[in-house]
N, C-alpha and C. Protein backbone atom coordinates (compact mmCIF):
# COMPACT_ATOMS: atom_id res chain seq x y z
N UNK A 1 -16.79 -9.97 -40.07
CA UNK A 1 -16.64 -9.59 -38.68
C UNK A 1 -17.93 -9.88 -37.92
N UNK A 2 -19.06 -9.63 -38.54
CA UNK A 2 -20.34 -9.88 -37.86
C UNK A 2 -20.50 -11.37 -37.55
N UNK A 3 -20.04 -12.24 -38.47
CA UNK A 3 -20.09 -13.68 -38.20
C UNK A 3 -19.25 -14.03 -36.98
N UNK A 4 -18.06 -13.43 -36.88
CA UNK A 4 -17.19 -13.69 -35.72
C UNK A 4 -17.83 -13.20 -34.44
N UNK A 5 -18.48 -12.06 -34.48
CA UNK A 5 -19.17 -11.55 -33.28
C UNK A 5 -20.29 -12.51 -32.88
N UNK A 6 -21.03 -13.03 -33.86
CA UNK A 6 -22.10 -13.99 -33.55
C UNK A 6 -21.54 -15.28 -32.96
N UNK A 7 -20.30 -15.64 -33.33
CA UNK A 7 -19.67 -16.83 -32.76
C UNK A 7 -19.10 -16.57 -31.37
N UNK A 8 -19.15 -15.32 -30.91
CA UNK A 8 -18.68 -15.02 -29.57
C UNK A 8 -17.48 -14.11 -29.49
N UNK A 9 -16.97 -13.63 -30.63
CA UNK A 9 -15.84 -12.72 -30.60
C UNK A 9 -16.25 -11.43 -29.89
N UNK A 10 -15.34 -10.92 -29.07
CA UNK A 10 -15.56 -9.63 -28.43
C UNK A 10 -14.89 -8.56 -29.27
N UNK A 11 -15.60 -7.50 -29.51
CA UNK A 11 -15.08 -6.37 -30.27
C UNK A 11 -14.93 -5.20 -29.32
N UNK A 12 -13.74 -4.66 -29.24
CA UNK A 12 -13.48 -3.50 -28.40
C UNK A 12 -13.17 -2.34 -29.32
N UNK A 13 -13.89 -1.26 -29.15
CA UNK A 13 -13.69 -0.07 -29.97
C UNK A 13 -13.42 1.11 -29.05
N UNK A 14 -12.32 1.78 -29.29
CA UNK A 14 -11.99 3.02 -28.58
C UNK A 14 -12.06 4.10 -29.64
N UNK A 15 -13.14 4.87 -29.64
CA UNK A 15 -13.42 5.76 -30.75
C UNK A 15 -13.85 7.14 -30.26
N UNK A 16 -13.01 8.15 -30.44
CA UNK A 16 -13.38 9.49 -30.00
C UNK A 16 -14.30 10.22 -30.98
N UNK A 17 -14.60 9.60 -32.15
CA UNK A 17 -15.38 10.29 -33.18
C UNK A 17 -16.89 10.03 -33.08
N UNK A 18 -17.31 9.16 -32.20
CA UNK A 18 -18.72 8.79 -32.07
C UNK A 18 -19.27 8.17 -33.35
N UNK A 19 -18.53 7.28 -33.96
CA UNK A 19 -18.99 6.58 -35.15
C UNK A 19 -19.94 5.45 -34.73
N UNK A 20 -20.61 4.79 -35.69
CA UNK A 20 -21.54 3.72 -35.34
C UNK A 20 -20.86 2.45 -34.81
N UNK A 21 -19.55 2.27 -35.04
CA UNK A 21 -18.87 1.04 -34.65
C UNK A 21 -18.99 0.70 -33.16
N UNK A 22 -18.90 1.65 -32.22
CA UNK A 22 -19.02 1.28 -30.82
C UNK A 22 -20.34 0.61 -30.47
N UNK A 23 -21.38 0.82 -31.24
CA UNK A 23 -22.66 0.16 -30.96
C UNK A 23 -22.55 -1.35 -31.11
N UNK A 24 -21.61 -1.82 -31.92
CA UNK A 24 -21.41 -3.26 -32.13
C UNK A 24 -20.41 -3.84 -31.12
N UNK A 25 -19.76 -2.99 -30.39
CA UNK A 25 -18.67 -3.43 -29.52
C UNK A 25 -19.18 -3.98 -28.20
N UNK A 26 -18.41 -4.92 -27.66
CA UNK A 26 -18.72 -5.46 -26.35
C UNK A 26 -17.83 -4.84 -25.29
N UNK A 27 -16.82 -4.08 -25.71
CA UNK A 27 -15.83 -3.60 -24.77
C UNK A 27 -15.96 -2.17 -24.33
N UNK A 28 -16.25 -1.25 -25.22
CA UNK A 28 -16.26 0.17 -24.88
C UNK A 28 -17.33 0.89 -25.66
N UNK A 29 -17.42 2.14 -25.38
CA UNK A 29 -18.29 3.03 -26.13
C UNK A 29 -17.44 4.19 -26.62
N UNK A 30 -18.06 5.17 -27.23
CA UNK A 30 -17.29 6.34 -27.64
C UNK A 30 -16.68 6.97 -26.41
N UNK A 31 -15.50 7.49 -26.57
CA UNK A 31 -14.78 8.05 -25.43
C UNK A 31 -14.37 9.48 -25.73
N UNK A 32 -14.07 10.21 -24.67
CA UNK A 32 -13.67 11.60 -24.83
C UNK A 32 -12.30 11.71 -25.50
N UNK A 33 -11.36 10.91 -25.10
CA UNK A 33 -10.03 10.88 -25.69
C UNK A 33 -9.76 9.44 -26.08
N UNK A 34 -9.16 9.23 -27.22
CA UNK A 34 -9.14 7.90 -27.77
C UNK A 34 -7.93 7.04 -27.62
N UNK A 35 -7.56 6.39 -28.72
CA UNK A 35 -6.60 5.30 -28.72
C UNK A 35 -5.24 5.60 -28.12
N UNK A 36 -4.76 6.82 -28.24
CA UNK A 36 -3.43 7.12 -27.71
C UNK A 36 -3.39 6.91 -26.20
N UNK A 37 -4.44 7.32 -25.51
CA UNK A 37 -4.51 7.13 -24.06
C UNK A 37 -4.44 5.65 -23.72
N UNK A 38 -5.20 4.83 -24.43
CA UNK A 38 -5.22 3.41 -24.13
C UNK A 38 -3.95 2.71 -24.59
N UNK A 39 -3.32 3.21 -25.62
CA UNK A 39 -2.05 2.63 -26.06
C UNK A 39 -0.98 2.81 -25.00
N UNK A 40 -1.13 3.82 -24.18
CA UNK A 40 -0.18 4.02 -23.08
C UNK A 40 -0.57 3.21 -21.86
N UNK A 41 -1.86 3.06 -21.60
CA UNK A 41 -2.31 2.36 -20.38
C UNK A 41 -2.24 0.85 -20.53
N UNK A 42 -2.50 0.31 -21.72
CA UNK A 42 -2.51 -1.14 -21.88
C UNK A 42 -1.17 -1.80 -21.55
N UNK A 43 -0.02 -1.27 -22.02
CA UNK A 43 1.25 -1.90 -21.62
C UNK A 43 1.44 -1.91 -20.10
N UNK A 44 0.96 -0.86 -19.44
CA UNK A 44 1.08 -0.81 -17.98
C UNK A 44 0.37 -2.01 -17.35
N UNK A 45 -0.81 -2.34 -17.85
CA UNK A 45 -1.55 -3.49 -17.32
C UNK A 45 -0.78 -4.78 -17.60
N UNK A 46 -0.20 -4.90 -18.78
CA UNK A 46 0.58 -6.11 -19.10
C UNK A 46 1.73 -6.28 -18.13
N UNK A 47 2.38 -5.18 -17.75
CA UNK A 47 3.46 -5.26 -16.78
C UNK A 47 2.92 -5.64 -15.40
N UNK A 48 1.74 -5.11 -15.06
CA UNK A 48 1.12 -5.42 -13.76
C UNK A 48 0.84 -6.91 -13.63
N UNK A 49 0.25 -7.49 -14.66
CA UNK A 49 -0.13 -8.90 -14.58
C UNK A 49 1.02 -9.83 -14.94
N UNK A 50 2.16 -9.24 -15.31
CA UNK A 50 3.37 -10.00 -15.62
C UNK A 50 3.11 -11.07 -16.68
N UNK A 51 2.33 -10.68 -17.70
CA UNK A 51 2.04 -11.60 -18.79
C UNK A 51 2.61 -11.02 -20.06
N UNK A 52 3.84 -11.36 -20.32
CA UNK A 52 4.54 -10.89 -21.50
C UNK A 52 5.14 -12.08 -22.22
N UNK A 53 5.30 -11.97 -23.50
CA UNK A 53 5.95 -13.02 -24.27
C UNK A 53 7.46 -12.78 -24.17
N UNK A 54 8.03 -13.20 -23.06
CA UNK A 54 9.44 -12.94 -22.78
C UNK A 54 10.34 -13.53 -23.85
N UNK A 55 10.02 -14.73 -24.33
CA UNK A 55 10.84 -15.35 -25.38
C UNK A 55 10.86 -14.47 -26.62
N UNK A 56 9.70 -13.98 -27.04
CA UNK A 56 9.62 -13.12 -28.22
C UNK A 56 10.37 -11.82 -27.98
N UNK A 57 10.12 -11.18 -26.84
CA UNK A 57 10.78 -9.92 -26.54
C UNK A 57 12.30 -10.07 -26.48
N UNK A 58 12.77 -11.18 -25.95
CA UNK A 58 14.21 -11.41 -25.81
C UNK A 58 14.88 -11.77 -27.12
N UNK A 59 14.22 -12.59 -27.92
CA UNK A 59 14.89 -13.14 -29.10
C UNK A 59 14.46 -12.56 -30.44
N UNK A 60 13.41 -11.73 -30.45
CA UNK A 60 12.91 -11.24 -31.74
C UNK A 60 12.71 -9.72 -31.78
N UNK A 61 13.16 -9.01 -30.74
CA UNK A 61 13.03 -7.55 -30.74
C UNK A 61 14.36 -6.93 -30.31
N UNK A 62 14.45 -5.62 -30.41
CA UNK A 62 15.65 -4.94 -29.94
C UNK A 62 15.51 -4.48 -28.49
N UNK A 63 14.53 -5.01 -27.78
CA UNK A 63 14.35 -4.68 -26.37
C UNK A 63 15.54 -5.07 -25.50
N UNK A 64 16.37 -5.98 -25.99
CA UNK A 64 17.54 -6.43 -25.22
C UNK A 64 18.77 -5.56 -25.48
N UNK A 65 18.71 -4.69 -26.49
CA UNK A 65 19.86 -3.83 -26.79
C UNK A 65 20.14 -2.92 -25.60
N UNK A 66 21.42 -2.71 -25.33
CA UNK A 66 21.82 -1.83 -24.25
C UNK A 66 21.79 -0.39 -24.73
N UNK A 67 21.22 0.48 -23.89
CA UNK A 67 21.06 1.88 -24.23
C UNK A 67 21.93 2.72 -23.30
N UNK A 68 22.75 3.58 -23.91
CA UNK A 68 23.63 4.45 -23.13
C UNK A 68 22.92 5.69 -22.63
N UNK A 69 23.63 6.49 -21.86
CA UNK A 69 23.08 7.71 -21.28
C UNK A 69 22.65 8.71 -22.35
N UNK A 70 23.25 8.62 -23.54
CA UNK A 70 22.89 9.54 -24.62
C UNK A 70 21.62 9.11 -25.34
N UNK A 71 21.02 7.98 -24.94
CA UNK A 71 19.80 7.49 -25.56
C UNK A 71 20.05 6.63 -26.78
N UNK A 72 21.30 6.41 -27.14
CA UNK A 72 21.63 5.58 -28.30
C UNK A 72 22.09 4.20 -27.88
N UNK A 73 22.16 3.31 -28.86
CA UNK A 73 22.64 1.96 -28.58
C UNK A 73 24.10 1.99 -28.15
N UNK A 74 24.43 1.14 -27.19
CA UNK A 74 25.83 0.88 -26.86
C UNK A 74 26.35 0.00 -27.99
N UNK A 75 27.43 0.42 -28.64
CA UNK A 75 27.94 -0.31 -29.81
C UNK A 75 29.38 -0.76 -29.58
N UNK A 76 29.75 -1.85 -30.25
CA UNK A 76 31.13 -2.31 -30.19
C UNK A 76 31.96 -1.58 -31.24
N UNK A 77 33.24 -1.92 -31.36
CA UNK A 77 34.15 -1.23 -32.29
C UNK A 77 33.69 -1.35 -33.74
N UNK A 78 32.97 -2.42 -34.07
CA UNK A 78 32.47 -2.63 -35.43
C UNK A 78 31.14 -1.90 -35.66
N UNK A 79 30.63 -1.24 -34.63
CA UNK A 79 29.38 -0.50 -34.76
C UNK A 79 28.13 -1.30 -34.49
N UNK A 80 28.27 -2.55 -34.06
CA UNK A 80 27.10 -3.38 -33.79
C UNK A 80 26.52 -3.08 -32.41
N UNK A 81 25.18 -3.00 -32.32
CA UNK A 81 24.55 -2.82 -31.01
C UNK A 81 24.91 -3.97 -30.07
N UNK A 82 25.02 -3.64 -28.79
CA UNK A 82 25.42 -4.60 -27.77
C UNK A 82 24.23 -5.05 -26.93
N UNK A 83 24.31 -6.28 -26.45
CA UNK A 83 23.36 -6.83 -25.48
C UNK A 83 24.19 -7.36 -24.32
N UNK A 84 23.55 -7.55 -23.17
CA UNK A 84 24.27 -8.15 -22.05
C UNK A 84 24.00 -9.64 -22.06
N UNK A 85 25.05 -10.42 -22.22
CA UNK A 85 24.95 -11.87 -22.25
C UNK A 85 24.98 -12.39 -20.81
N UNK A 86 23.88 -13.04 -20.40
CA UNK A 86 23.79 -13.54 -19.02
C UNK A 86 24.70 -14.74 -18.77
N UNK A 87 25.17 -15.39 -19.85
CA UNK A 87 26.10 -16.51 -19.68
C UNK A 87 27.50 -16.02 -19.37
N UNK A 88 28.01 -15.12 -20.20
CA UNK A 88 29.39 -14.64 -20.03
C UNK A 88 29.47 -13.43 -19.10
N UNK A 89 28.34 -12.88 -18.75
CA UNK A 89 28.26 -11.70 -17.85
C UNK A 89 29.00 -10.50 -18.42
N UNK A 90 28.85 -10.30 -19.75
CA UNK A 90 29.49 -9.14 -20.37
C UNK A 90 28.66 -8.70 -21.57
N UNK A 91 28.95 -7.49 -22.03
CA UNK A 91 28.29 -6.96 -23.22
C UNK A 91 28.91 -7.59 -24.46
N UNK A 92 28.05 -8.05 -25.36
CA UNK A 92 28.50 -8.67 -26.61
C UNK A 92 27.62 -8.15 -27.75
N UNK A 93 28.05 -8.38 -28.99
CA UNK A 93 27.26 -7.99 -30.15
C UNK A 93 25.92 -8.73 -30.12
N UNK A 94 24.87 -8.05 -30.56
CA UNK A 94 23.53 -8.62 -30.53
C UNK A 94 23.42 -9.93 -31.30
N UNK A 95 24.26 -10.13 -32.29
CA UNK A 95 24.17 -11.33 -33.13
C UNK A 95 25.27 -12.35 -32.83
N UNK A 96 25.92 -12.21 -31.67
CA UNK A 96 26.94 -13.20 -31.28
C UNK A 96 26.26 -14.57 -31.11
N UNK A 97 26.96 -15.64 -31.47
CA UNK A 97 26.34 -16.97 -31.37
C UNK A 97 26.19 -17.43 -29.92
N UNK A 98 25.16 -18.21 -29.69
CA UNK A 98 24.92 -18.90 -28.41
C UNK A 98 24.88 -17.97 -27.21
N UNK A 99 24.23 -16.83 -27.32
CA UNK A 99 24.13 -15.92 -26.18
C UNK A 99 22.77 -16.05 -25.54
N UNK A 100 22.68 -15.58 -24.32
CA UNK A 100 21.42 -15.52 -23.57
C UNK A 100 21.23 -14.07 -23.14
N UNK A 101 20.60 -13.24 -23.99
CA UNK A 101 20.49 -11.81 -23.70
C UNK A 101 19.61 -11.51 -22.49
N UNK A 102 20.01 -10.49 -21.76
CA UNK A 102 19.23 -9.97 -20.64
C UNK A 102 18.12 -9.10 -21.21
N UNK A 103 16.87 -9.36 -20.82
CA UNK A 103 15.76 -8.56 -21.32
C UNK A 103 15.54 -7.32 -20.47
N UNK A 104 15.60 -7.49 -19.17
CA UNK A 104 15.27 -6.37 -18.29
C UNK A 104 16.35 -6.19 -17.24
N UNK A 105 16.77 -4.94 -17.09
CA UNK A 105 17.72 -4.66 -16.05
C UNK A 105 18.71 -3.57 -16.41
N UNK A 106 19.55 -3.28 -15.44
CA UNK A 106 20.59 -2.27 -15.58
C UNK A 106 21.90 -2.98 -15.29
N UNK A 107 22.89 -2.78 -16.13
CA UNK A 107 24.18 -3.44 -15.95
C UNK A 107 25.30 -2.42 -16.04
N UNK A 108 26.43 -2.79 -15.49
CA UNK A 108 27.60 -1.92 -15.53
C UNK A 108 28.59 -2.55 -16.50
N UNK A 109 28.69 -1.99 -17.68
CA UNK A 109 29.70 -2.44 -18.63
C UNK A 109 30.92 -1.59 -18.35
N UNK A 110 31.17 -0.60 -19.14
CA UNK A 110 32.17 0.42 -18.80
C UNK A 110 31.45 1.58 -18.11
N UNK A 111 30.15 1.64 -18.35
CA UNK A 111 29.30 2.67 -17.78
C UNK A 111 27.94 2.04 -17.53
N UNK A 112 27.12 2.70 -16.74
CA UNK A 112 25.79 2.18 -16.43
C UNK A 112 24.89 2.27 -17.67
N UNK A 113 24.32 1.17 -18.06
CA UNK A 113 23.40 1.13 -19.20
C UNK A 113 22.18 0.30 -18.82
N UNK A 114 21.10 0.51 -19.54
CA UNK A 114 19.88 -0.27 -19.33
C UNK A 114 19.46 -0.87 -20.65
N UNK A 115 18.65 -1.92 -20.58
CA UNK A 115 18.11 -2.48 -21.81
C UNK A 115 17.00 -1.57 -22.33
N UNK A 116 16.77 -1.65 -23.64
CA UNK A 116 15.70 -0.88 -24.24
C UNK A 116 14.36 -1.21 -23.62
N UNK A 117 14.13 -2.50 -23.31
CA UNK A 117 12.88 -2.91 -22.68
C UNK A 117 12.71 -2.25 -21.32
N UNK A 118 13.78 -2.19 -20.55
CA UNK A 118 13.73 -1.56 -19.23
C UNK A 118 13.34 -0.10 -19.36
N UNK A 119 13.94 0.60 -20.32
CA UNK A 119 13.61 2.02 -20.51
C UNK A 119 12.17 2.20 -20.95
N UNK A 120 11.68 1.31 -21.82
CA UNK A 120 10.29 1.41 -22.25
C UNK A 120 9.35 1.18 -21.07
N UNK A 121 9.65 0.19 -20.26
CA UNK A 121 8.82 -0.11 -19.09
C UNK A 121 8.80 1.07 -18.13
N UNK A 122 9.96 1.68 -17.91
CA UNK A 122 10.02 2.86 -17.03
C UNK A 122 9.23 4.03 -17.62
N UNK A 123 9.30 4.20 -18.94
CA UNK A 123 8.58 5.30 -19.59
C UNK A 123 7.07 5.11 -19.50
N UNK A 124 6.59 3.88 -19.49
CA UNK A 124 5.15 3.60 -19.42
C UNK A 124 4.59 3.60 -18.00
N UNK A 125 5.47 3.61 -17.01
CA UNK A 125 5.04 3.49 -15.61
C UNK A 125 3.99 4.52 -15.19
N UNK A 126 4.10 5.79 -15.59
CA UNK A 126 3.08 6.76 -15.15
C UNK A 126 1.71 6.57 -15.80
N UNK A 127 1.66 5.83 -16.90
CA UNK A 127 0.41 5.73 -17.66
C UNK A 127 -0.44 4.57 -17.19
N UNK A 128 -0.87 4.65 -15.96
CA UNK A 128 -1.71 3.62 -15.36
C UNK A 128 -3.13 3.71 -15.92
N UNK A 129 -3.93 2.67 -15.73
CA UNK A 129 -5.33 2.77 -16.11
C UNK A 129 -6.05 3.92 -15.38
N UNK A 130 -5.61 4.22 -14.18
CA UNK A 130 -6.21 5.35 -13.45
C UNK A 130 -5.89 6.67 -14.15
N UNK A 131 -4.68 6.80 -14.66
CA UNK A 131 -4.32 7.98 -15.45
C UNK A 131 -5.20 8.07 -16.68
N UNK A 132 -5.35 6.93 -17.38
CA UNK A 132 -6.15 6.91 -18.61
C UNK A 132 -7.61 7.23 -18.33
N UNK A 133 -8.11 6.78 -17.19
CA UNK A 133 -9.51 7.07 -16.83
C UNK A 133 -9.72 8.58 -16.73
N UNK A 134 -8.76 9.28 -16.16
CA UNK A 134 -8.88 10.74 -16.03
C UNK A 134 -8.82 11.44 -17.39
N UNK A 135 -8.12 10.83 -18.35
CA UNK A 135 -7.97 11.42 -19.67
C UNK A 135 -9.14 11.09 -20.59
N UNK A 136 -9.84 10.01 -20.29
CA UNK A 136 -10.92 9.53 -21.16
C UNK A 136 -12.18 9.35 -20.32
N UNK A 137 -13.15 8.66 -20.89
CA UNK A 137 -14.38 8.37 -20.14
C UNK A 137 -14.49 6.88 -19.84
N UNK A 138 -13.38 6.15 -19.94
CA UNK A 138 -13.39 4.71 -19.71
C UNK A 138 -12.83 4.43 -18.31
N UNK A 139 -13.60 3.73 -17.48
CA UNK A 139 -13.13 3.42 -16.12
C UNK A 139 -11.85 2.57 -16.13
N UNK A 140 -11.00 2.80 -15.16
CA UNK A 140 -9.75 2.04 -15.03
C UNK A 140 -10.02 0.54 -14.99
N UNK A 141 -11.08 0.14 -14.31
CA UNK A 141 -11.41 -1.28 -14.22
C UNK A 141 -11.71 -1.87 -15.60
N UNK A 142 -12.34 -1.10 -16.46
CA UNK A 142 -12.64 -1.57 -17.81
C UNK A 142 -11.36 -1.70 -18.63
N UNK A 143 -10.47 -0.74 -18.50
CA UNK A 143 -9.19 -0.81 -19.21
C UNK A 143 -8.42 -2.05 -18.78
N UNK A 144 -8.38 -2.30 -17.48
CA UNK A 144 -7.69 -3.50 -16.98
C UNK A 144 -8.34 -4.77 -17.49
N UNK A 145 -9.67 -4.81 -17.43
CA UNK A 145 -10.39 -6.01 -17.87
C UNK A 145 -10.11 -6.30 -19.34
N UNK A 146 -10.18 -5.29 -20.18
CA UNK A 146 -9.96 -5.50 -21.61
C UNK A 146 -8.53 -5.95 -21.88
N UNK A 147 -7.56 -5.33 -21.24
CA UNK A 147 -6.16 -5.73 -21.44
C UNK A 147 -5.94 -7.17 -20.96
N UNK A 148 -6.54 -7.53 -19.84
CA UNK A 148 -6.39 -8.90 -19.32
C UNK A 148 -7.08 -9.91 -20.23
N UNK A 149 -8.25 -9.56 -20.78
CA UNK A 149 -8.92 -10.45 -21.73
C UNK A 149 -8.09 -10.64 -22.99
N UNK A 150 -7.47 -9.56 -23.45
CA UNK A 150 -6.61 -9.65 -24.62
C UNK A 150 -5.47 -10.64 -24.36
N UNK A 151 -4.84 -10.53 -23.21
CA UNK A 151 -3.75 -11.43 -22.86
C UNK A 151 -4.24 -12.87 -22.75
N UNK A 152 -5.43 -13.05 -22.15
CA UNK A 152 -5.97 -14.40 -21.97
C UNK A 152 -6.19 -15.11 -23.31
N UNK A 153 -6.42 -14.34 -24.37
CA UNK A 153 -6.69 -14.93 -25.68
C UNK A 153 -5.52 -14.82 -26.64
N UNK A 154 -4.38 -14.40 -26.16
CA UNK A 154 -3.25 -14.12 -27.05
C UNK A 154 -2.45 -15.36 -27.46
N UNK A 155 -2.62 -16.48 -26.78
CA UNK A 155 -1.88 -17.70 -27.09
C UNK A 155 -0.37 -17.45 -27.07
N UNK A 156 0.09 -16.78 -26.04
CA UNK A 156 1.50 -16.43 -25.92
C UNK A 156 2.37 -17.67 -26.00
N UNK A 157 3.35 -17.60 -26.88
CA UNK A 157 4.31 -18.68 -27.03
C UNK A 157 3.90 -19.80 -27.97
N UNK A 158 2.63 -19.81 -28.43
CA UNK A 158 2.21 -20.87 -29.33
C UNK A 158 2.86 -20.74 -30.70
N UNK A 159 2.98 -21.87 -31.38
CA UNK A 159 3.56 -21.88 -32.72
C UNK A 159 2.63 -22.61 -33.68
N UNK A 160 2.89 -22.42 -34.95
CA UNK A 160 2.18 -23.12 -36.01
C UNK A 160 3.23 -23.55 -37.02
N UNK A 161 3.04 -24.72 -37.61
CA UNK A 161 3.99 -25.20 -38.62
C UNK A 161 3.30 -25.19 -39.98
N UNK A 162 3.91 -24.47 -40.91
CA UNK A 162 3.42 -24.39 -42.29
C UNK A 162 4.55 -24.78 -43.23
N UNK A 163 4.29 -25.75 -44.06
CA UNK A 163 5.29 -26.22 -45.03
C UNK A 163 6.62 -26.55 -44.36
N UNK A 164 6.55 -27.17 -43.19
CA UNK A 164 7.75 -27.60 -42.50
C UNK A 164 8.47 -26.51 -41.73
N UNK A 165 7.94 -25.29 -41.74
CA UNK A 165 8.56 -24.17 -41.02
C UNK A 165 7.70 -23.84 -39.81
N UNK A 166 8.30 -23.86 -38.63
CA UNK A 166 7.58 -23.53 -37.41
C UNK A 166 7.73 -22.05 -37.11
N UNK A 167 6.58 -21.41 -36.92
CA UNK A 167 6.55 -19.96 -36.65
C UNK A 167 5.62 -19.70 -35.48
N UNK A 168 5.77 -18.52 -34.90
CA UNK A 168 4.84 -18.09 -33.87
C UNK A 168 3.49 -17.91 -34.52
N UNK A 169 2.42 -18.33 -33.82
CA UNK A 169 1.10 -18.31 -34.46
C UNK A 169 0.51 -16.90 -34.50
N UNK A 170 0.62 -16.14 -33.43
CA UNK A 170 0.09 -14.79 -33.41
C UNK A 170 -1.41 -14.70 -33.60
N UNK A 171 -2.12 -15.77 -33.33
CA UNK A 171 -3.56 -15.75 -33.54
C UNK A 171 -4.29 -15.64 -32.21
N UNK A 172 -5.52 -15.26 -32.27
CA UNK A 172 -6.35 -15.15 -31.08
C UNK A 172 -7.43 -16.23 -31.12
N UNK A 173 -7.93 -16.64 -29.95
CA UNK A 173 -8.99 -17.62 -29.88
C UNK A 173 -10.28 -17.11 -30.50
N UNK A 174 -10.42 -15.80 -30.57
CA UNK A 174 -11.69 -15.23 -31.02
C UNK A 174 -11.95 -15.46 -32.50
N UNK A 175 -10.95 -15.78 -33.29
CA UNK A 175 -11.17 -15.90 -34.75
C UNK A 175 -11.53 -17.28 -35.12
């Protein structure tokens, strides 16, 4: 890790224990309240800057599943979770062939339902960097800067091919 820092890697440490690690960090120092606060504020910043891996969220997570008023998945007669197919404009099984699932929004199937991603985004809305600043000792501007730097180095959508198989790379420029 020290070699990576010498090559220019930025290390961000959110540590409420006052351990020695924050002394090596370029992003933060010890804070009054730690990672949970920032885990709530960082997604808010990602929504603000509208920098999300929409392809990944749509095709590789359950964020597209429709959620009923009871908080459970909307399911078909076979018990499979449903998604809203933007091609056919109806709810279909999540694994139906050739569908284009809706990632964000509210639709009227037999009843009003929202996608899991929509509900998560709504749940994170109150946890702004300003909220996190009041809970911790890290300024809102610093929280925003760190989240934006993370996104800038995330290589969203990039792939790597290993042994003839193409996969999402999931790597950062810092390594």
